[in-house]
Amino acid sequence: MKNGFPALKQSFVWAASALLASSALLAGTLSAQNAGDGPAMDPEQKYWHPVTQTGPQFTPVKTPFPLMDCHIHLRGGMTTGKAIARQKLIGIESAILENSGREWPLCNDAALQAFISFNRLEMEKENVRIPIGMQVNDRDWFTYFSPEVLKQLDFVLADTMIMNDAKGRPVRLWQSEKFVIDDEEAWMERYFAHTMQVLGEPITILANPTYLPQQLADRYEHFWTEERMNAVIELAVKKGVALEIQAGSAFPSEKFIRMAKKAGAKFSVGTNNFGEEEIPMDRWFEMIERCGLEEKDLLRIPVSR
């Protein structure tokens, strides 16, 4: 992982942490599947816990060049084993992650270490290593994880879809029925600043770039002006942050992708699954073809050994 933490290509010894993780997994009751948009996590809860379920088969996909899905959540029945099986079956590499934050499964060093160690063990069973990452949802996330644990991650992903309101309360922007935008222009100025703040963090991928909530999405080009797009792209290039093309999202626009490619930005592709369902990837291939993206434009995350 780049951007603010030591290089992650060095070797690590996992035996002791794996034993601790196994004990933690037996002791707890919280399920990663139950976190999501549910009640806030108990601040005393120290460990992340996996959920094992049966799952579907996947259909092979023909790709123009090697691709890696960098946005596979372990939730709704999706497991590390299934992500590995999916990689073998469809021919697209998998990179797994879990949500972090005060109201999310990964809320401290112990939880993050348990998550990493458990998934390393799962990969050892399959004799396959795939990237392990974390999606960060709080803007001060890097202050409550230690560098020693963070450097074990292969990547960090963030989006801009949780933003504090004027009173400092986090608002989930996809839940448009739960908040009101009184002054759209002022709101957009705050949201643009929020986007630039997220890009300034030590992240690897910006997911769903130029996202807009339902109230504004039908006027995308009015709110996401070329000036704002250029500022986002320039900072992403400067920080080495990849810009995501998400399977189920219309964001970012084709215009943004073309501008970003011209500026030398890197891109990633992701499904952002909610379970173990098979997700159409047409959006990826449409943008790759229409915007002339090449293999060198796409992020491939190296894994720590």
C-alpha atoms as a PDB file:
ATOM      1  CA  MET A   1       0.000   0.000   0.000  1.00  0.00           C
ATOM      2  CA  LYS A   2       1.267   3.421  -0.895  1.00  0.00           C
ATOM      3  CA  ASN A   3       0.463   6.819   0.520  1.00  0.00           C
ATOM      4  CA  GLY A   4       1.615   7.317   4.086  1.00  0.00           C
ATOM      5  CA  PHE A   5       2.483   3.839   5.395  1.00  0.00           C
ATOM      6  CA  PRO A   6       5.644   1.706   4.971  1.00  0.00           C
ATOM      7  CA  ALA A   7       5.877  -0.549   1.932  1.00  0.00           C
ATOM      8  CA  LEU A   8       3.828  -3.718   2.203  1.00  0.00           C
ATOM      9  CA  LYS A   9       5.950  -6.052   0.095  1.00  0.00           C
ATOM     10  CA  GLN A  10       8.063  -7.304   2.995  1.00  0.00           C
ATOM     11  CA  SER A  11       7.445 -10.685   4.632  1.00  0.00           C
ATOM     12  CA  PHE A  12       5.511 -11.062   7.874  1.00  0.00           C
ATOM     13  CA  VAL A  13       5.306 -13.831  10.474  1.00  0.00           C
ATOM     14  CA  TRP A  14       1.672 -14.635  11.124  1.00  0.00           C
ATOM     15  CA  ALA A  15       1.717 -17.576  13.565  1.00  0.00           C
ATOM     16  CA  ALA A  16       1.266 -15.700  16.850  1.00  0.00           C
ATOM     17  CA  SER A  17      -1.381 -13.311  15.531  1.00  0.00           C
ATOM     18  CA  ALA A  18      -3.214 -16.227  13.912  1.00  0.00           C
ATOM     19  CA  LEU A  19      -3.499 -18.018  17.263  1.00  0.00           C
ATOM     20  CA  LEU A  20      -4.826 -14.853  18.892  1.00  0.00           C
ATOM     21  CA  ALA A  21      -7.308 -14.388  16.068  1.00  0.00           C
ATOM     22  CA  SER A  22      -8.556 -17.971  16.373  1.00  0.00           C
ATOM     23  CA  SER A  23      -9.208 -17.521  20.090  1.00  0.00           C
ATOM     24  CA  ALA A  24     -11.022 -14.274  19.431  1.00  0.00           C
ATOM     25  CA  LEU A  25     -13.187 -15.835  16.746  1.00  0.00           C
ATOM     26  CA  LEU A  26     -14.323 -18.575  19.126  1.00  0.00           C
ATOM     27  CA  ALA A  27     -15.098 -16.139  21.916  1.00  0.00           C
ATOM     28  CA  GLY A  28     -17.319 -13.586  20.191  1.00  0.00           C
ATOM     29  CA  THR A  29     -20.774 -13.320  18.789  1.00  0.00           C
ATOM     30  CA  LEU A  30     -20.721 -10.350  16.438  1.00  0.00           C
ATOM     31  CA  SER A  31     -21.058 -11.156  12.748  1.00  0.00           C
ATOM     32  CA  ALA A  32     -19.659  -9.008   9.972  1.00  0.00           C
ATOM     33  CA  GLN A  33     -22.857  -9.766   8.093  1.00  0.00           C
ATOM     34  CA  ASN A  34     -24.912  -8.058  10.779  1.00  0.00           C
ATOM     35  CA  ALA A  35     -22.931  -4.815  10.877  1.00  0.00           C
ATOM     36  CA  GLY A  36     -23.758  -2.997   7.624  1.00  0.00           C
ATOM     37  CA  ASP A  37     -26.364  -0.325   8.159  1.00  0.00           C
ATOM     38  CA  GLY A  38     -27.573  -1.810  11.441  1.00  0.00           C
ATOM     39  CA  PRO A  39     -27.117  -0.597  15.011  1.00  0.00           C
ATOM     40  CA  ALA A  40     -23.873   0.942  16.126  1.00  0.00           C
ATOM     41  CA  MET A  41     -21.215  -1.527  17.178  1.00  0.00           C
ATOM     42  CA  ASP A  42     -20.563  -2.065  20.882  1.00  0.00           C
ATOM     43  CA  PRO A  43     -17.429  -0.011  21.626  1.00  0.00           C
ATOM     44  CA  GLU A  44     -16.236  -2.819  23.924  1.00  0.00           C
ATOM     45  CA  GLN A  45     -16.404  -5.355  21.072  1.00  0.00           C
ATOM     46  CA  LYS A  46     -12.805  -6.146  20.148  1.00  0.00           C
ATOM     47  CA  TYR A  47     -12.995  -8.717  17.408  1.00  0.00           C
ATOM     48  CA  TRP A  48     -14.183  -9.196  13.865  1.00  0.00           C
ATOM     49  CA  HIS A  49     -16.032 -12.479  13.254  1.00  0.00           C
ATOM     50  CA  PRO A  50     -16.573 -14.256   9.939  1.00  0.00           C
ATOM     51  CA  VAL A  51     -19.803 -15.833   8.737  1.00  0.00           C
ATOM     52  CA  THR A  52     -19.728 -19.025   6.670  1.00  0.00           C
ATOM     53  CA  GLN A  53     -22.542 -19.873   4.272  1.00  0.00           C
ATOM     54  CA  THR A  54     -22.982 -21.865   1.096  1.00  0.00           C
ATOM     55  CA  GLY A  55     -22.947 -19.921  -2.152  1.00  0.00           C
ATOM     56  CA  PRO A  56     -23.581 -19.958  -5.899  1.00  0.00           C
ATOM     57  CA  GLN A  57     -21.257 -20.758  -8.750  1.00  0.00           C
ATOM     58  CA  PHE A  58     -20.028 -17.965 -11.011  1.00  0.00           C
ATOM     59  CA  THR A  59     -19.934 -17.592 -14.778  1.00  0.00           C
ATOM     60  CA  PRO A  60     -16.575 -17.147 -16.586  1.00  0.00           C
ATOM     61  CA  VAL A  61     -16.062 -13.624 -17.957  1.00  0.00           C
ATOM     62  CA  LYS A  62     -14.090 -12.665 -21.052  1.00  0.00           C
ATOM     63  CA  THR A  63     -11.936  -9.605 -20.346  1.00  0.00           C
ATOM     64  CA  PRO A  64      -9.834  -7.444 -22.703  1.00  0.00           C
ATOM     65  CA  PHE A  65      -6.837  -7.861 -20.360  1.00  0.00           C
ATOM     66  CA  PRO A  66      -6.233  -9.076 -16.775  1.00  0.00           C
ATOM     67  CA  LEU A  67      -8.484  -7.320 -14.242  1.00  0.00           C
ATOM     68  CA  MET A  68      -8.771  -7.269 -10.466  1.00  0.00           C
ATOM     69  CA  ASP A  69     -12.047  -6.643  -8.636  1.00  0.00           C
ATOM     70  CA  CYS A  70     -10.804  -4.422  -5.796  1.00  0.00           C
ATOM     71  CA  HIS A  71     -14.152  -4.029  -4.024  1.00  0.00           C
ATOM     72  CA  ILE A  72     -15.347  -7.389  -2.688  1.00  0.00           C
ATOM     73  CA  HIS A  73     -16.957  -7.149   0.744  1.00  0.00           C
ATOM     74  CA  LEU A  74     -17.058 -10.126   3.087  1.00  0.00           C
ATOM     75  CA  ARG A  75     -20.747  -9.818   3.889  1.00  0.00           C
ATOM     76  CA  GLY A  76     -24.084 -11.374   3.037  1.00  0.00           C
ATOM     77  CA  GLY A  77     -22.502 -14.804   2.694  1.00  0.00           C
ATOM     78  CA  MET A  78     -19.446 -13.793   0.671  1.00  0.00           C
ATOM     79  CA  THR A  79     -16.332 -15.337   2.223  1.00  0.00           C
ATOM     80  CA  THR A  80     -12.639 -15.415   1.455  1.00  0.00           C
ATOM     81  CA  GLY A  81     -12.964 -18.947   0.125  1.00  0.00           C
ATOM     82  CA  LYS A  82     -15.745 -17.900  -2.224  1.00  0.00           C
ATOM     83  CA  ALA A  83     -13.749 -14.883  -3.409  1.00  0.00           C
ATOM     84  CA  ILE A  84     -10.879 -17.233  -4.261  1.00  0.00           C
ATOM     85  CA  ALA A  85     -13.241 -19.692  -5.974  1.00  0.00           C
ATOM     86  CA  ARG A  86     -14.803 -16.798  -7.901  1.00  0.00           C
ATOM     87  CA  GLN A  87     -11.349 -15.701  -9.072  1.00  0.00           C
ATOM     88  CA  LYS A  88     -10.600 -19.186 -10.375  1.00  0.00           C
ATOM     89  CA  LEU A  89     -14.001 -19.579 -12.028  1.00  0.00           C
ATOM     90  CA  ILE A  90     -14.491 -16.240 -13.762  1.00  0.00           C
ATOM     91  CA  GLY A  91     -10.877 -15.307 -14.474  1.00  0.00           C
ATOM     92  CA  ILE A  92     -10.956 -11.930 -12.699  1.00  0.00           C
ATOM     93  CA  GLU A  93      -8.680 -11.526  -9.675  1.00  0.00           C
ATOM     94  CA  SER A  94     -10.277 -10.878  -6.283  1.00  0.00           C
ATOM     95  CA  ALA A  95      -9.326  -8.391  -3.572  1.00  0.00           C
ATOM     96  CA  ILE A  96     -11.327  -8.569  -0.332  1.00  0.00           C
ATOM     97  CA  LEU A  97     -12.098  -5.926   2.252  1.00  0.00           C
ATOM     98  CA  GLU A  98     -14.137  -5.089   5.330  1.00  0.00           C
ATOM     99  CA  ASN A  99     -15.678  -1.828   6.551  1.00  0.00           C
ATOM    100  CA  SER A 100     -13.987   0.101   9.329  1.00  0.00           C
ATOM    101  CA  GLY A 101     -15.165   2.831  11.648  1.00  0.00           C
ATOM    102  CA  ARG A 102     -16.755   3.397  15.026  1.00  0.00           C
ATOM    103  CA  GLU A 103     -20.048   1.893  13.828  1.00  0.00           C
ATOM    104  CA  TRP A 104     -18.474  -0.827  11.671  1.00  0.00           C
ATOM    105  CA  PRO A 105     -16.827  -4.240  12.187  1.00  0.00           C
ATOM    106  CA  LEU A 106     -13.223  -2.994  12.189  1.00  0.00           C
ATOM    107  CA  CYS A 107     -13.064  -0.424  14.955  1.00  0.00           C
ATOM    108  CA  ASN A 108      -9.649  -0.912  16.562  1.00  0.00           C
ATOM    109  CA  ASP A 109      -6.308  -2.702  16.255  1.00  0.00           C
ATOM    110  CA  ALA A 110      -7.551  -5.961  17.783  1.00  0.00           C
ATOM    111  CA  ALA A 111     -10.448  -6.227  15.334  1.00  0.00           C
ATOM    112  CA  LEU A 112      -8.271  -5.366  12.343  1.00  0.00           C
ATOM    113  CA  GLN A 113      -5.543  -7.821  13.358  1.00  0.00           C
ATOM    114  CA  ALA A 114      -8.122 -10.580  13.828  1.00  0.00           C
ATOM    115  CA  PHE A 115      -9.550  -9.844  10.369  1.00  0.00           C
ATOM    116  CA  ILE A 116      -6.137  -9.939   8.687  1.00  0.00           C
ATOM    117  CA  SER A 117      -4.941 -13.044  10.540  1.00  0.00           C
ATOM    118  CA  PHE A 118      -8.120 -15.029   9.963  1.00  0.00           C
ATOM    119  CA  ASN A 119      -8.074 -14.296   6.235  1.00  0.00           C
ATOM    120  CA  ARG A 120      -4.390 -15.185   5.933  1.00  0.00           C
ATOM    121  CA  LEU A 121      -5.248 -18.590   7.412  1.00  0.00           C
ATOM    122  CA  GLU A 122      -8.139 -19.015   4.988  1.00  0.00           C
ATOM    123  CA  MET A 123      -5.821 -18.259   2.093  1.00  0.00           C
ATOM    124  CA  GLU A 124      -3.251 -20.746   3.351  1.00  0.00           C
ATOM    125  CA  LYS A 125      -5.923 -23.452   3.125  1.00  0.00           C
ATOM    126  CA  GLU A 126      -6.380 -22.628  -0.565  1.00  0.00           C
ATOM    127  CA  ASN A 127      -2.665 -22.017  -1.163  1.00  0.00           C
ATOM    128  CA  VAL A 128      -3.650 -18.714  -2.771  1.00  0.00           C
ATOM    129  CA  ARG A 129      -2.913 -15.142  -1.679  1.00  0.00           C
ATOM    130  CA  ILE A 130      -5.265 -12.342  -2.654  1.00  0.00           C
ATOM    131  CA  PRO A 131      -5.094  -8.716  -1.463  1.00  0.00           C
ATOM    132  CA  ILE A 132      -6.638  -7.862   1.896  1.00  0.00           C
ATOM    133  CA  GLY A 133      -7.970  -4.344   2.347  1.00  0.00           C
ATOM    134  CA  MET A 134     -10.143  -2.095   4.460  1.00  0.00           C
ATOM    135  CA  GLN A 135     -12.836   0.427   3.565  1.00  0.00           C
ATOM    136  CA  VAL A 136     -12.568   3.476   5.797  1.00  0.00           C
ATOM    137  CA  ASN A 137     -15.745   5.340   6.770  1.00  0.00           C
ATOM    138  CA  ASP A 138     -14.563   7.800   9.440  1.00  0.00           C
ATOM    139  CA  ARG A 139     -12.379  10.695   8.428  1.00  0.00           C
ATOM    140  CA  ASP A 140     -10.015  10.257  11.378  1.00  0.00           C
ATOM    141  CA  TRP A 141      -9.659   6.503  10.791  1.00  0.00           C
ATOM    142  CA  PHE A 142      -5.865   6.621  10.610  1.00  0.00           C
ATOM    143  CA  THR A 143      -5.687   7.880  14.212  1.00  0.00           C
ATOM    144  CA  TYR A 144      -7.188   4.786  15.835  1.00  0.00           C
ATOM    145  CA  PHE A 145      -5.235   2.092  14.029  1.00  0.00           C
ATOM    146  CA  SER A 146      -1.526   1.678  14.684  1.00  0.00           C
ATOM    147  CA  PRO A 147       0.998   1.810  11.826  1.00  0.00           C
ATOM    148  CA  GLU A 148       2.183  -1.680  12.816  1.00  0.00           C
ATOM    149  CA  VAL A 149      -1.237  -3.165  12.032  1.00  0.00           C
ATOM    150  CA  LEU A 150      -2.083  -0.896   9.112  1.00  0.00           C
ATOM    151  CA  LYS A 151       1.086  -1.841   7.243  1.00  0.00           C
ATOM    152  CA  GLN A 152      -0.176  -5.441   7.068  1.00  0.00           C
ATOM    153  CA  LEU A 153      -2.966  -4.342   4.719  1.00  0.00           C
ATOM    154  CA  ASP A 154      -2.501  -4.489   0.970  1.00  0.00           C
ATOM    155  CA  PHE A 155      -4.817  -1.548   0.255  1.00  0.00           C
ATOM    156  CA  VAL A 156      -7.205   1.008   1.735  1.00  0.00           C
ATOM    157  CA  LEU A 157     -10.405   2.066  -0.036  1.00  0.00           C
ATOM    158  CA  ALA A 158     -12.577   5.075   0.752  1.00  0.00           C
ATOM    159  CA  ASP A 159     -15.600   6.777  -0.722  1.00  0.00           C
ATOM    160  CA  THR A 160     -17.281  10.135  -0.082  1.00  0.00           C
ATOM    161  CA  MET A 161     -20.732   8.777   0.707  1.00  0.00           C
ATOM    162  CA  ILE A 162     -20.684   9.534   4.448  1.00  0.00           C
ATOM    163  CA  MET A 163     -20.296  13.245   5.199  1.00  0.00           C
ATOM    164  CA  ASN A 164     -20.815  15.166   8.404  1.00  0.00           C
ATOM    165  CA  ASP A 165     -23.638  17.675   8.464  1.00  0.00           C
ATOM    166  CA  ALA A 166     -23.284  21.248   9.746  1.00  0.00           C
ATOM    167  CA  LYS A 167     -23.507  19.929  13.326  1.00  0.00           C
ATOM    168  CA  GLY A 168     -20.796  17.333  12.823  1.00  0.00           C
ATOM    169  CA  ARG A 169     -23.168  14.348  12.614  1.00  0.00           C
ATOM    170  CA  PRO A 170     -22.355  11.700   9.984  1.00  0.00           C
ATOM    171  CA  VAL A 171     -24.925  11.483   7.174  1.00  0.00           C
ATOM    172  CA  ARG A 172     -25.171   8.490   4.852  1.00  0.00           C
ATOM    173  CA  LEU A 173     -25.762  10.164   1.528  1.00  0.00           C
ATOM    174  CA  TRP A 174     -27.335   7.144  -0.159  1.00  0.00           C
ATOM    175  CA  GLN A 175     -30.186   7.365   2.365  1.00  0.00           C
ATOM    176  CA  SER A 176     -31.678  10.412   0.673  1.00  0.00           C
ATOM    177  CA  GLU A 177     -34.957  10.156   2.573  1.00  0.00           C
ATOM    178  CA  LYS A 178     -33.134  10.857   5.843  1.00  0.00           C
ATOM    179  CA  PHE A 179     -31.713  14.309   5.102  1.00  0.00           C
ATOM    180  CA  VAL A 180     -32.686  17.548   3.398  1.00  0.00           C
ATOM    181  CA  ILE A 181     -30.510  19.818   1.242  1.00  0.00           C
ATOM    182  CA  ASP A 182     -31.787  23.349   1.750  1.00  0.00           C
ATOM    183  CA  ASP A 183     -29.094  25.245  -0.132  1.00  0.00           C
ATOM    184  CA  GLU A 184     -27.831  23.044  -2.967  1.00  0.00           C
ATOM    185  CA  GLU A 185     -24.912  25.252  -3.982  1.00  0.00           C
ATOM    186  CA  ALA A 186     -23.636  25.613  -0.437  1.00  0.00           C
ATOM    187  CA  TRP A 187     -24.056  21.883   0.109  1.00  0.00           C
ATOM    188  CA  MET A 188     -22.055  21.130  -3.036  1.00  0.00           C
ATOM    189  CA  GLU A 189     -19.231  23.381  -1.893  1.00  0.00           C
ATOM    190  CA  ARG A 190     -19.063  21.431   1.383  1.00  0.00           C
ATOM    191  CA  TYR A 191     -19.254  18.128  -0.472  1.00  0.00           C
ATOM    192  CA  PHE A 192     -16.465  19.097  -2.849  1.00  0.00           C
ATOM    193  CA  ALA A 193     -14.284  20.027   0.126  1.00  0.00           C
ATOM    194  CA  HIS A 194     -15.199  16.708   1.737  1.00  0.00           C
ATOM    195  CA  THR A 195     -14.144  14.855  -1.436  1.00  0.00           C
ATOM    196  CA  MET A 196     -10.785  16.616  -1.461  1.00  0.00           C
ATOM    197  CA  GLN A 197     -10.309  15.768   2.217  1.00  0.00           C
ATOM    198  CA  VAL A 198     -10.919  12.067   1.556  1.00  0.00           C
ATOM    199  CA  LEU A 199      -8.464  12.137  -1.354  1.00  0.00           C
ATOM    200  CA  GLY A 200      -5.884  13.680   0.941  1.00  0.00           C
ATOM    201  CA  GLU A 201      -5.966  10.674   3.281  1.00  0.00           C
ATOM    202  CA  PRO A 202      -3.480   7.758   2.943  1.00  0.00           C
ATOM    203  CA  ILE A 203      -5.782   5.677   0.703  1.00  0.00           C
ATOM    204  CA  THR A 204      -5.208   3.469  -2.333  1.00  0.00           C
ATOM    205  CA  ILE A 205      -8.617   3.715  -4.064  1.00  0.00           C
ATOM    206  CA  LEU A 206     -11.367   6.350  -4.190  1.00  0.00           C
ATOM    207  CA  ALA A 207     -14.592   4.421  -4.764  1.00  0.00           C
ATOM    208  CA  ASN A 208     -17.582   5.907  -6.574  1.00  0.00           C
ATOM    209  CA  PRO A 209     -15.800   9.193  -7.401  1.00  0.00           C
ATOM    210  CA  THR A 210     -18.049  12.183  -8.165  1.00  0.00           C
ATOM    211  CA  TYR A 211     -20.968  10.459  -6.463  1.00  0.00           C
ATOM    212  CA  LEU A 212     -24.083  12.596  -5.920  1.00  0.00           C
ATOM    213  CA  PRO A 213     -27.114  11.866  -3.729  1.00  0.00           C
ATOM    214  CA  GLN A 214     -30.494  11.347  -5.349  1.00  0.00           C
ATOM    215  CA  GLN A 215     -31.553  14.969  -4.805  1.00  0.00           C
ATOM    216  CA  LEU A 216     -28.771  16.260  -7.111  1.00  0.00           C
ATOM    217  CA  ALA A 217     -27.872  13.326  -9.354  1.00  0.00           C
ATOM    218  CA  ASP A 218     -30.078  14.421 -12.266  1.00  0.00           C
ATOM    219  CA  ARG A 219     -27.976  17.620 -12.581  1.00  0.00           C
ATOM    220  CA  TYR A 220     -24.576  15.953 -12.490  1.00  0.00           C
ATOM    221  CA  GLU A 221     -22.841  18.268 -14.966  1.00  0.00           C
ATOM    222  CA  HIS A 222     -24.124  21.370 -13.178  1.00  0.00           C
ATOM    223  CA  PHE A 223     -22.671  20.324  -9.833  1.00  0.00           C
ATOM    224  CA  TRP A 224     -19.604  18.464 -11.085  1.00  0.00           C
ATOM    225  CA  THR A 225     -18.137  21.229 -13.204  1.00  0.00           C
ATOM    226  CA  GLU A 226     -14.943  20.714 -15.203  1.00  0.00           C
ATOM    227  CA  GLU A 227     -13.099  22.820 -12.647  1.00  0.00           C
ATOM    228  CA  ARG A 228     -14.161  20.534  -9.799  1.00  0.00           C
ATOM    229  CA  MET A 229     -13.479  17.395 -11.841  1.00  0.00           C
ATOM    230  CA  ASN A 230      -9.998  18.618 -12.727  1.00  0.00           C
ATOM    231  CA  ALA A 231      -9.216  19.377  -9.093  1.00  0.00           C
ATOM    232  CA  VAL A 232     -10.218  15.842  -8.041  1.00  0.00           C
ATOM    233  CA  ILE A 233      -8.246  14.253 -10.881  1.00  0.00           C
ATOM    234  CA  GLU A 234      -5.140  16.350 -10.239  1.00  0.00           C
ATOM    235  CA  LEU A 235      -5.087  15.433  -6.550  1.00  0.00           C
ATOM    236  CA  ALA A 236      -5.709  11.750  -7.298  1.00  0.00           C
ATOM    237  CA  VAL A 237      -2.778  11.715  -9.727  1.00  0.00           C
ATOM    238  CA  LYS A 238      -0.556  13.591  -7.285  1.00  0.00           C
ATOM    239  CA  LYS A 239      -1.401  11.200  -4.414  1.00  0.00           C
ATOM    240  CA  GLY A 240      -1.317   8.052  -6.548  1.00  0.00           C
ATOM    241  CA  VAL A 241      -4.943   7.209  -5.728  1.00  0.00           C
ATOM    242  CA  ALA A 242      -6.827   4.999  -8.186  1.00  0.00           C
ATOM    243  CA  LEU A 243     -10.305   6.110  -9.293  1.00  0.00           C
ATOM    244  CA  GLU A 244     -12.899   3.359  -9.210  1.00  0.00           C
ATOM    245  CA  ILE A 245     -15.275   2.296 -11.971  1.00  0.00           C
ATOM    246  CA  GLN A 246     -18.005   0.448 -10.112  1.00  0.00           C
ATOM    247  CA  ALA A 247     -20.152  -2.251 -11.692  1.00  0.00           C
ATOM    248  CA  GLY A 248     -23.477  -1.010 -10.337  1.00  0.00           C
ATOM    249  CA  SER A 249     -22.890   2.743 -10.341  1.00  0.00           C
ATOM    250  CA  ALA A 250     -23.236   5.492 -12.937  1.00  0.00           C
ATOM    251  CA  PHE A 251     -20.470   7.439 -11.162  1.00  0.00           C
ATOM    252  CA  PRO A 252     -18.106   8.715 -12.381  1.00  0.00           C
ATOM    253  CA  SER A 253     -19.271   9.929 -15.779  1.00  0.00           C
ATOM    254  CA  GLU A 254     -17.640   8.953 -19.046  1.00  0.00           C
ATOM    255  CA  LYS A 255     -16.428  12.546 -19.381  1.00  0.00           C
ATOM    256  CA  PHE A 256     -14.668  12.319 -16.010  1.00  0.00           C
ATOM    257  CA  ILE A 257     -13.014   9.016 -16.946  1.00  0.00           C
ATOM    258  CA  ARG A 258     -11.763  10.450 -20.247  1.00  0.00           C
ATOM    259  CA  MET A 259     -10.379  13.519 -18.463  1.00  0.00           C
ATOM    260  CA  ALA A 260      -8.709  11.334 -15.821  1.00  0.00           C
ATOM    261  CA  LYS A 261      -7.104   9.056 -18.406  1.00  0.00           C
ATOM    262  CA  LYS A 262      -5.726  12.055 -20.274  1.00  0.00           C
ATOM    263  CA  ALA A 263      -4.238  13.340 -17.006  1.00  0.00           C
ATOM    264  CA  GLY A 264      -2.512  10.004 -16.331  1.00  0.00           C
ATOM    265  CA  ALA A 265      -4.762   8.741 -13.532  1.00  0.00           C
ATOM    266  CA  LYS A 266      -4.971   5.099 -12.502  1.00  0.00           C
ATOM    267  CA  PHE A 267      -8.322   3.318 -12.357  1.00  0.00           C
ATOM    268  CA  SER A 268      -9.679   0.368 -10.431  1.00  0.00           C
ATOM    269  CA  VAL A 269     -12.765  -1.749 -11.017  1.00  0.00           C
ATOM    270  CA  GLY A 270     -15.054  -3.058  -8.295  1.00  0.00           C
ATOM    271  CA  THR A 271     -18.380  -4.788  -7.768  1.00  0.00           C
ATOM    272  CA  ASN A 272     -19.195  -3.498  -4.241  1.00  0.00           C
ATOM    273  CA  ASN A 273     -21.252  -6.614  -3.525  1.00  0.00           C
ATOM    274  CA  PHE A 274     -23.888  -6.878  -0.798  1.00  0.00           C
ATOM    275  CA  GLY A 275     -23.736 -10.664  -0.712  1.00  0.00           C
ATOM    276  CA  GLU A 276     -22.589 -13.625  -2.743  1.00  0.00           C
ATOM    277  CA  GLU A 277     -24.695 -12.810  -5.782  1.00  0.00           C
ATOM    278  CA  GLU A 278     -23.248 -12.666  -9.279  1.00  0.00           C
ATOM    279  CA  ILE A 279     -22.988  -9.008 -10.359  1.00  0.00           C
ATOM    280  CA  PRO A 280     -23.055  -7.873 -14.017  1.00  0.00           C
ATOM    281  CA  MET A 281     -19.835  -6.097 -14.938  1.00  0.00           C
ATOM    282  CA  ASP A 282     -21.057  -4.452 -18.161  1.00  0.00           C
ATOM    283  CA  ARG A 283     -20.273  -0.976 -16.826  1.00  0.00           C
ATOM    284  CA  TRP A 284     -16.575  -1.854 -16.495  1.00  0.00           C
ATOM    285  CA  PHE A 285     -16.242  -3.128 -20.027  1.00  0.00           C
ATOM    286  CA  GLU A 286     -18.323  -0.325 -21.519  1.00  0.00           C
ATOM    287  CA  MET A 287     -16.083   2.339 -19.957  1.00  0.00           C
ATOM    288  CA  ILE A 288     -12.888   0.439 -20.764  1.00  0.00           C
ATOM    289  CA  GLU A 289     -13.898   0.273 -24.427  1.00  0.00           C
ATOM    290  CA  ARG A 290     -15.442   3.720 -24.821  1.00  0.00           C
ATOM    291  CA  CYS A 291     -12.673   5.550 -22.961  1.00  0.00           C
ATOM    292  CA  GLY A 292      -9.846   3.579 -24.517  1.00  0.00           C
ATOM    293  CA  LEU A 293      -8.493   2.261 -21.212  1.00  0.00           C
ATOM    294  CA  GLU A 294      -5.522  -0.082 -21.444  1.00  0.00           C
ATOM    295  CA  GLU A 295      -4.021  -2.605 -19.053  1.00  0.00           C
ATOM    296  CA  LYS A 296      -1.457  -0.045 -17.881  1.00  0.00           C
ATOM    297  CA  ASP A 297      -4.294   2.263 -16.782  1.00  0.00           C
ATOM    298  CA  LEU A 298      -5.773  -0.295 -14.351  1.00  0.00           C
ATOM    299  CA  LEU A 299      -4.645  -0.892 -10.776  1.00  0.00           C
ATOM    300  CA  ARG A 300      -3.317  -4.342  -9.860  1.00  0.00           C
ATOM    301  CA  ILE A 301      -2.672  -4.580  -6.126  1.00  0.00           C
ATOM    302  CA  PRO A 302       0.435  -6.539  -5.092  1.00  0.00           C
ATOM    303  CA  VAL A 303       0.033  -8.784  -2.064  1.00  0.00           C
ATOM    304  CA  SER A 304       2.167  -8.943   1.060  1.00  0.00           C
ATOM    305  CA  ARG A 305       3.942 -12.231   1.630  1.00  0.00           C
END
